[in-house]
């Protein structure tokens, strides 16, 4: 696992380029966490493994929504 800082610019103006870069980063970041959870799920049995596999599916679904927003912003 890794540590990371989540800084946010609430109330500050963010350029369109910065917005796109952040969203692209988040898709990759989320995918990395999904991979970590998937690997961890394979070390477990039963209900805990099932919950983690479902969490991976949720992250993947969230990434699809972020990617859809990205596509609209890039148009």
PDB file of N, CA and C in Angstrom:
ATOM      1  N   UNK A   1       0.841  -1.184   0.000  1.00  0.00           N
ATOM      2  CA  UNK A   1       0.000   0.000   0.000  1.00  0.00           C
ATOM      3  C   UNK A   1       0.881   1.241   0.000  1.00  0.00           C
ATOM      4  N   UNK A   2       0.255   2.373  -0.237  1.00  0.00           N
ATOM      5  CA  UNK A   2       1.017   3.607  -0.319  1.00  0.00           C
ATOM      6  C   UNK A   2       0.249   4.715   0.375  1.00  0.00           C
ATOM      7  N   UNK A   3       0.947   5.784   0.652  1.00  0.00           N
ATOM      8  CA  UNK A   3       0.281   6.945   1.226  1.00  0.00           C
ATOM      9  C   UNK A   3       0.289   8.058   0.196  1.00  0.00           C
ATOM     10  N   UNK A   4      -0.674   8.952   0.334  1.00  0.00           N
ATOM     11  CA  UNK A   4      -0.771  10.057  -0.602  1.00  0.00           C
ATOM     12  C   UNK A   4      -1.555  11.188   0.032  1.00  0.00           C
ATOM     13  N   UNK A   5      -1.293  12.363  -0.459  1.00  0.00           N
ATOM     14  CA  UNK A   5      -1.960  13.558   0.035  1.00  0.00           C
ATOM     15  C   UNK A   5      -3.127  13.884  -0.877  1.00  0.00           C
ATOM     16  N   UNK A   6      -4.237  14.253  -0.289  1.00  0.00           N
ATOM     17  CA  UNK A   6      -5.404  14.666  -1.055  1.00  0.00           C
ATOM     18  C   UNK A   6      -5.654  16.143  -0.790  1.00  0.00           C
ATOM     19  N   UNK A   7      -5.009  16.989  -1.569  1.00  0.00           N
ATOM     20  CA  UNK A   7      -5.239  18.419  -1.414  1.00  0.00           C
ATOM     21  C   UNK A   7      -6.359  18.838  -2.353  1.00  0.00           C
ATOM     22  N   UNK A   8      -7.165  19.738  -1.902  1.00  0.00           N
ATOM     23  CA  UNK A   8      -8.312  20.196  -2.672  1.00  0.00           C
ATOM     24  C   UNK A   8      -8.307  21.717  -2.751  1.00  0.00           C
ATOM     25  N   UNK A   9      -8.804  22.215  -3.876  1.00  0.00           N
ATOM     26  CA  UNK A   9      -8.837  23.663  -4.089  1.00  0.00           C
ATOM     27  C   UNK A   9     -10.268  24.158  -3.996  1.00  0.00           C
ATOM     28  N   UNK A  10     -10.898  23.965  -2.841  1.00  0.00           N
ATOM     29  CA  UNK A  10     -12.266  24.412  -2.655  1.00  0.00           C
ATOM     30  C   UNK A  10     -12.340  25.927  -2.738  1.00  0.00           C
ATOM     31  N   UNK A  11     -13.263  26.392  -3.569  1.00  0.00           N
ATOM     32  CA  UNK A  11     -13.460  27.827  -3.682  1.00  0.00           C
ATOM     33  C   UNK A  11     -12.419  28.534  -4.527  1.00  0.00           C
ATOM     34  N   UNK A  12     -11.459  27.795  -5.072  1.00  0.00           N
ATOM     35  CA  UNK A  12     -10.439  28.403  -5.914  1.00  0.00           C
ATOM     36  C   UNK A  12     -10.721  28.050  -7.362  1.00  0.00           C
ATOM     37  N   UNK A  13     -10.353  28.941  -8.245  1.00  0.00           N
ATOM     38  CA  UNK A  13     -10.555  28.725  -9.674  1.00  0.00           C
ATOM     39  C   UNK A  13      -9.560  27.669 -10.172  1.00  0.00           C
ATOM     40  N   UNK A  14     -10.081  26.681 -10.904  1.00  0.00           N
ATOM     41  CA  UNK A  14      -9.252  25.629 -11.474  1.00  0.00           C
ATOM     42  C   UNK A  14      -9.394  25.724 -12.983  1.00  0.00           C
ATOM     43  N   UNK A  15      -8.276  25.727 -13.668  1.00  0.00           N
ATOM     44  CA  UNK A  15      -8.314  25.845 -15.122  1.00  0.00           C
ATOM     45  C   UNK A  15      -8.881  24.565 -15.738  1.00  0.00           C
ATOM     46  N   UNK A  16      -9.418  24.655 -16.949  1.00  0.00           N
ATOM     47  CA  UNK A  16      -9.911  23.452 -17.626  1.00  0.00           C
ATOM     48  C   UNK A  16      -8.825  22.382 -17.770  1.00  0.00           C
ATOM     49  N   UNK A  17      -7.598  22.802 -18.026  1.00  0.00           N
ATOM     50  CA  UNK A  17      -6.498  21.853 -18.162  1.00  0.00           C
ATOM     51  C   UNK A  17      -6.223  21.130 -16.849  1.00  0.00           C
ATOM     52  N   UNK A  18      -6.241  21.881 -15.748  1.00  0.00           N
ATOM     53  CA  UNK A  18      -6.016  21.290 -14.430  1.00  0.00           C
ATOM     54  C   UNK A  18      -7.139  20.318 -14.084  1.00  0.00           C
ATOM     55  N   UNK A  19      -8.352  20.697 -14.425  1.00  0.00           N
ATOM     56  CA  UNK A  19      -9.515  19.847 -14.161  1.00  0.00           C
ATOM     57  C   UNK A  19      -9.375  18.515 -14.905  1.00  0.00           C
ATOM     58  N   UNK A  20      -9.022  18.576 -16.192  1.00  0.00           N
ATOM     59  CA  UNK A  20      -8.843  17.357 -16.975  1.00  0.00           C
ATOM     60  C   UNK A  20      -7.715  16.505 -16.420  1.00  0.00           C
ATOM     61  N   UNK A  21      -6.619  17.143 -16.079  1.00  0.00           N
ATOM     62  CA  UNK A  21      -5.472  16.413 -15.533  1.00  0.00           C
ATOM     63  C   UNK A  21      -5.845  15.712 -14.227  1.00  0.00           C
ATOM     64  N   UNK A  22      -6.590  16.396 -13.367  1.00  0.00           N
ATOM     65  CA  UNK A  22      -6.989  15.806 -12.091  1.00  0.00           C
ATOM     66  C   UNK A  22      -7.916  14.616 -12.315  1.00  0.00           C
ATOM     67  N   UNK A  23      -8.863  14.749 -13.216  1.00  0.00           N
ATOM     68  CA  UNK A  23      -9.782  13.649 -13.476  1.00  0.00           C
ATOM     69  C   UNK A  23      -9.060  12.447 -14.078  1.00  0.00           C
ATOM     70  N   UNK A  24      -8.132  12.688 -14.989  1.00  0.00           N
ATOM     71  CA  UNK A  24      -7.353  11.589 -15.572  1.00  0.00           C
ATOM     72  C   UNK A  24      -6.518  10.909 -14.492  1.00  0.00           C
ATOM     73  N   UNK A  25      -5.927  11.699 -13.614  1.00  0.00           N
ATOM     74  CA  UNK A  25      -5.156  11.149 -12.510  1.00  0.00           C
ATOM     75  C   UNK A  25      -6.045  10.290 -11.616  1.00  0.00           C
ATOM     76  N   UNK A  26      -7.248  10.783 -11.312  1.00  0.00           N
ATOM     77  CA  UNK A  26      -8.146  10.060 -10.418  1.00  0.00           C
ATOM     78  C   UNK A  26      -8.544   8.704 -10.999  1.00  0.00           C
ATOM     79  N   UNK A  27      -8.760   8.639 -12.316  1.00  0.00           N
ATOM     80  CA  UNK A  27      -9.097   7.364 -12.946  1.00  0.00           C
ATOM     81  C   UNK A  27      -7.951   6.372 -12.732  1.00  0.00           C
ATOM     82  N   UNK A  28      -6.729   6.810 -12.969  1.00  0.00           N
ATOM     83  CA  UNK A  28      -5.572   5.926 -12.783  1.00  0.00           C
ATOM     84  C   UNK A  28      -5.397   5.550 -11.308  1.00  0.00           C
ATOM     85  N   UNK A  29      -5.563   6.521 -10.451  1.00  0.00           N
ATOM     86  CA  UNK A  29      -5.419   6.327  -9.003  1.00  0.00           C
ATOM     87  C   UNK A  29      -6.442   5.305  -8.503  1.00  0.00           C
ATOM     88  N   UNK A  30      -7.688   5.487  -8.916  1.00  0.00           N
ATOM     89  CA  UNK A  30      -8.741   4.562  -8.509  1.00  0.00           C
ATOM     90  C   UNK A  30      -8.479   3.160  -9.048  1.00  0.00           C
ATOM     91  N   UNK A  31      -8.019   3.073 -10.289  1.00  0.00           N
ATOM     92  CA  UNK A  31      -7.719   1.770 -10.887  1.00  0.00           C
ATOM     93  C   UNK A  31      -6.620   1.059 -10.090  1.00  0.00           C
ATOM     94  N   UNK A  32      -5.640   1.826  -9.645  1.00  0.00           N
ATOM     95  CA  UNK A  32      -4.566   1.243  -8.839  1.00  0.00           C
ATOM     96  C   UNK A  32      -5.123   0.673  -7.529  1.00  0.00           C
ATOM     97  N   UNK A  33      -5.991   1.435  -6.877  1.00  0.00           N
ATOM     98  CA  UNK A  33      -6.590   0.948  -5.633  1.00  0.00           C
ATOM     99  C   UNK A  33      -7.457  -0.281  -5.898  1.00  0.00           C
ATOM    100  N   UNK A  34      -8.166  -0.304  -7.014  1.00  0.00           N
ATOM    101  CA  UNK A  34      -8.990  -1.467  -7.358  1.00  0.00           C
ATOM    102  C   UNK A  34      -8.111  -2.701  -7.529  1.00  0.00           C
ATOM    103  N   UNK A  35      -6.962  -2.538  -8.171  1.00  0.00           N
ATOM    104  CA  UNK A  35      -6.029  -3.658  -8.336  1.00  0.00           C
ATOM    105  C   UNK A  35      -5.549  -4.171  -6.980  1.00  0.00           C
ATOM    106  N   UNK A  36      -5.225  -3.238  -6.091  1.00  0.00           N
ATOM    107  CA  UNK A  36      -4.768  -3.634  -4.757  1.00  0.00           C
ATOM    108  C   UNK A  36      -5.853  -4.418  -4.016  1.00  0.00           C
ATOM    109  N   UNK A  37      -7.087  -3.935  -4.092  1.00  0.00           N
ATOM    110  CA  UNK A  37      -8.188  -4.620  -3.419  1.00  0.00           C
ATOM    111  C   UNK A  37      -8.449  -5.987  -4.042  1.00  0.00           C
ATOM    112  N   UNK A  38      -8.342  -6.069  -5.360  1.00  0.00           N
ATOM    113  CA  UNK A  38      -8.551  -7.335  -6.050  1.00  0.00           C
ATOM    114  C   UNK A  38      -7.518  -8.365  -5.590  1.00  0.00           C
ATOM    115  N   UNK A  39      -6.268  -7.951  -5.528  1.00  0.00           N
ATOM    116  CA  UNK A  39      -5.209  -8.848  -5.049  1.00  0.00           C
ATOM    117  C   UNK A  39      -5.457  -9.270  -3.604  1.00  0.00           C
ATOM    118  N   UNK A  40      -5.871  -8.342  -2.777  1.00  0.00           N
ATOM    119  CA  UNK A  40      -6.150  -8.651  -1.379  1.00  0.00           C
ATOM    120  C   UNK A  40      -7.327  -9.616  -1.269  1.00  0.00           C
ATOM    121  N   UNK A  41      -8.343  -9.415  -2.097  1.00  0.00           N
ATOM    122  CA  UNK A  41      -9.512 -10.294  -2.061  1.00  0.00           C
ATOM    123  C   UNK A  41      -9.124 -11.743  -2.330  1.00  0.00           C
ATOM    124  N   UNK A  42      -8.125 -11.936  -3.171  1.00  0.00           N
ATOM    125  CA  UNK A  42      -7.697 -13.295  -3.499  1.00  0.00           C
ATOM    126  C   UNK A  42      -6.910 -13.955  -2.373  1.00  0.00           C
ATOM    127  N   UNK A  43      -6.608 -13.214  -1.335  1.00  0.00           N
ATOM    128  CA  UNK A  43      -5.949 -13.807  -0.166  1.00  0.00           C
ATOM    129  C   UNK A  43      -6.968 -14.185   0.904  1.00  0.00           C
ATOM    130  N   UNK A  44      -8.244 -13.891   0.631  1.00  0.00           N
ATOM    131  CA  UNK A  44      -9.310 -14.129   1.599  1.00  0.00           C
ATOM    132  C   UNK A  44     -10.317 -15.126   1.045  1.00  0.00           C
ATOM    133  N   UNK A  45     -11.133 -15.651   1.931  1.00  0.00           N
ATOM    134  CA  UNK A  45     -12.203 -16.558   1.551  1.00  0.00           C
ATOM    135  C   UNK A  45     -13.538 -16.005   2.025  1.00  0.00           C
ATOM    136  N   UNK A  46     -14.588 -16.544   1.459  1.00  0.00           N
ATOM    137  CA  UNK A  46     -15.931 -16.281   1.950  1.00  0.00           C
ATOM    138  C   UNK A  46     -16.398 -14.852   1.774  1.00  0.00           C
ATOM    139  N   UNK A  47     -17.181 -14.425   2.750  1.00  0.00           N
ATOM    140  CA  UNK A  47     -17.837 -13.122   2.674  1.00  0.00           C
ATOM    141  C   UNK A  47     -16.879 -11.942   2.591  1.00  0.00           C
ATOM    142  N   UNK A  48     -15.764 -11.931   3.339  1.00  0.00           N
ATOM    143  CA  UNK A  48     -14.832 -10.812   3.181  1.00  0.00           C
ATOM    144  C   UNK A  48     -14.326 -10.673   1.745  1.00  0.00           C
ATOM    145  N   UNK A  49     -13.986 -11.785   1.109  1.00  0.00           N
ATOM    146  CA  UNK A  49     -13.519 -11.742  -0.280  1.00  0.00           C
ATOM    147  C   UNK A  49     -14.620 -11.225  -1.194  1.00  0.00           C
ATOM    148  N   UNK A  50     -15.839 -11.671  -0.959  1.00  0.00           N
ATOM    149  CA  UNK A  50     -16.977 -11.227  -1.768  1.00  0.00           C
ATOM    150  C   UNK A  50     -17.179  -9.715  -1.646  1.00  0.00           C
ATOM    151  N   UNK A  51     -17.100  -9.196  -0.430  1.00  0.00           N
ATOM    152  CA  UNK A  51     -17.252  -7.749  -0.227  1.00  0.00           C
ATOM    153  C   UNK A  51     -16.173  -6.977  -0.980  1.00  0.00           C
ATOM    154  N   UNK A  52     -14.937  -7.467  -0.914  1.00  0.00           N
ATOM    155  CA  UNK A  52     -13.856  -6.767  -1.618  1.00  0.00           C
ATOM    156  C   UNK A  52     -14.033  -6.839  -3.129  1.00  0.00           C
ATOM    157  N   UNK A  53     -14.465  -7.984  -3.644  1.00  0.00           N
ATOM    158  CA  UNK A  53     -14.719  -8.079  -5.085  1.00  0.00           C
ATOM    159  C   UNK A  53     -15.830  -7.107  -5.499  1.00  0.00           C
ATOM    160  N   UNK A  54     -16.840  -6.980  -4.664  1.00  0.00           N
ATOM    161  CA  UNK A  54     -17.910  -6.018  -4.955  1.00  0.00           C
ATOM    162  C   UNK A  54     -17.410  -4.584  -4.884  1.00  0.00           C
ATOM    163  N   UNK A  55     -16.500  -4.323  -3.959  1.00  0.00           N
ATOM    164  CA  UNK A  55     -15.913  -2.983  -3.861  1.00  0.00           C
ATOM    165  C   UNK A  55     -15.132  -2.653  -5.127  1.00  0.00           C
ATOM    166  N   UNK A  56     -14.409  -3.641  -5.660  1.00  0.00           N
ATOM    167  CA  UNK A  56     -13.668  -3.439  -6.907  1.00  0.00           C
ATOM    168  C   UNK A  56     -14.642  -3.080  -8.032  1.00  0.00           C
ATOM    169  N   UNK A  57     -15.756  -3.795  -8.110  1.00  0.00           N
ATOM    170  CA  UNK A  57     -16.768  -3.496  -9.131  1.00  0.00           C
ATOM    171  C   UNK A  57     -17.292  -2.066  -8.963  1.00  0.00           C
ATOM    172  N   UNK A  58     -17.498  -1.645  -7.719  1.00  0.00           N
ATOM    173  CA  UNK A  58     -17.977  -0.278  -7.455  1.00  0.00           C
ATOM    174  C   UNK A  58     -16.963   0.761  -7.928  1.00  0.00           C
ATOM    175  N   UNK A  59     -15.689   0.512  -7.650  1.00  0.00           N
ATOM    176  CA  UNK A  59     -14.640   1.441  -8.092  1.00  0.00           C
ATOM    177  C   UNK A  59     -14.614   1.504  -9.612  1.00  0.00           C
ATOM    178  N   UNK A  60     -14.719   0.350 -10.251  1.00  0.00           N
ATOM    179  CA  UNK A  60     -14.721   0.316 -11.714  1.00  0.00           C
ATOM    180  C   UNK A  60     -15.918   1.075 -12.282  1.00  0.00           C
ATOM    181  N   UNK A  61     -17.072   0.949 -11.635  1.00  0.00           N
ATOM    182  CA  UNK A  61     -18.265   1.676 -12.072  1.00  0.00           C
ATOM    183  C   UNK A  61     -18.070   3.185 -11.874  1.00  0.00           C
ATOM    184  N   UNK A  62     -17.478   3.572 -10.768  1.00  0.00           N
ATOM    185  CA  UNK A  62     -17.178   4.988 -10.531  1.00  0.00           C
ATOM    186  C   UNK A  62     -16.233   5.528 -11.592  1.00  0.00           C
ATOM    187  N   UNK A  63     -15.225   4.742 -11.933  1.00  0.00           N
ATOM    188  CA  UNK A  63     -14.286   5.180 -12.962  1.00  0.00           C
ATOM    189  C   UNK A  63     -14.982   5.373 -14.305  1.00  0.00           C
ATOM    190  N   UNK A  64     -15.951   4.531 -14.626  1.00  0.00           N
ATOM    191  CA  UNK A  64     -16.712   4.706 -15.868  1.00  0.00           C
ATOM    192  C   UNK A  64     -17.435   6.053 -15.875  1.00  0.00           C
ATOM    193  N   UNK A  65     -17.961   6.434 -14.733  1.00  0.00           N
ATOM    194  CA  UNK A  65     -18.666   7.728 -14.631  1.00  0.00           C
ATOM    195  C   UNK A  65     -17.683   8.892 -14.761  1.00  0.00           C
ATOM    196  N   UNK A  66     -16.522   8.766 -14.139  1.00  0.00           N
ATOM    197  CA  UNK A  66     -15.501   9.809 -14.262  1.00  0.00           C
ATOM    198  C   UNK A  66     -15.037   9.907 -15.711  1.00  0.00           C
ATOM    199  N   UNK A  67     -14.837   8.770 -16.356  1.00  0.00           N
ATOM    200  CA  UNK A  67     -14.418   8.766 -17.764  1.00  0.00           C
ATOM    201  C   UNK A  67     -15.486   9.387 -18.662  1.00  0.00           C
ATOM    202  N   UNK A  68     -16.762   9.172 -18.350  1.00  0.00           N
ATOM    203  CA  UNK A  68     -17.840   9.792 -19.123  1.00  0.00           C
ATOM    204  C   UNK A  68     -17.802  11.309 -18.956  1.00  0.00           C
ATOM    205  N   UNK A  69     -17.563  11.767 -17.742  1.00  0.00           N
ATOM    206  CA  UNK A  69     -17.443  13.210 -17.509  1.00  0.00           C
ATOM    207  C   UNK A  69     -16.244  13.758 -18.263  1.00  0.00           C
ATOM    208  N   UNK A  70     -15.136  13.037 -18.240  1.00  0.00           N
ATOM    209  CA  UNK A  70     -13.934  13.456 -18.972  1.00  0.00           C
ATOM    210  C   UNK A  70     -14.218  13.604 -20.455  1.00  0.00           C
ATOM    211  N   UNK A  71     -14.900  12.619 -21.004  1.00  0.00           N
ATOM    212  CA  UNK A  71     -15.212  12.656 -22.429  1.00  0.00           C
ATOM    213  C   UNK A  71     -16.033  13.900 -22.774  1.00  0.00           C
ATOM    214  N   UNK A  72     -17.009  14.215 -21.944  1.00  0.00           N
ATOM    215  CA  UNK A  72     -17.827  15.409 -22.185  1.00  0.00           C
ATOM    216  C   UNK A  72     -16.998  16.684 -22.070  1.00  0.00           C
ATOM    217  N   UNK A  73     -16.117  16.726 -21.090  1.00  0.00           N
ATOM    218  CA  UNK A  73     -15.282  17.916 -20.895  1.00  0.00           C
ATOM    219  C   UNK A  73     -14.269  18.095 -22.023  1.00  0.00           C
ATOM    220  N   UNK A  74     -13.841  16.986 -22.616  1.00  0.00           N
ATOM    221  CA  UNK A  74     -12.852  17.066 -23.688  1.00  0.00           C
ATOM    222  C   UNK A  74     -13.467  17.466 -25.034  1.00  0.00           C
ATOM    223  N   UNK A  75     -14.786  17.389 -25.136  1.00  0.00           N
ATOM    224  CA  UNK A  75     -15.471  17.757 -26.399  1.00  0.00           C
ATOM    225  C   UNK A  75     -15.515  19.243 -26.603  1.00  0.00           C
TER     226      UNK A  75
END
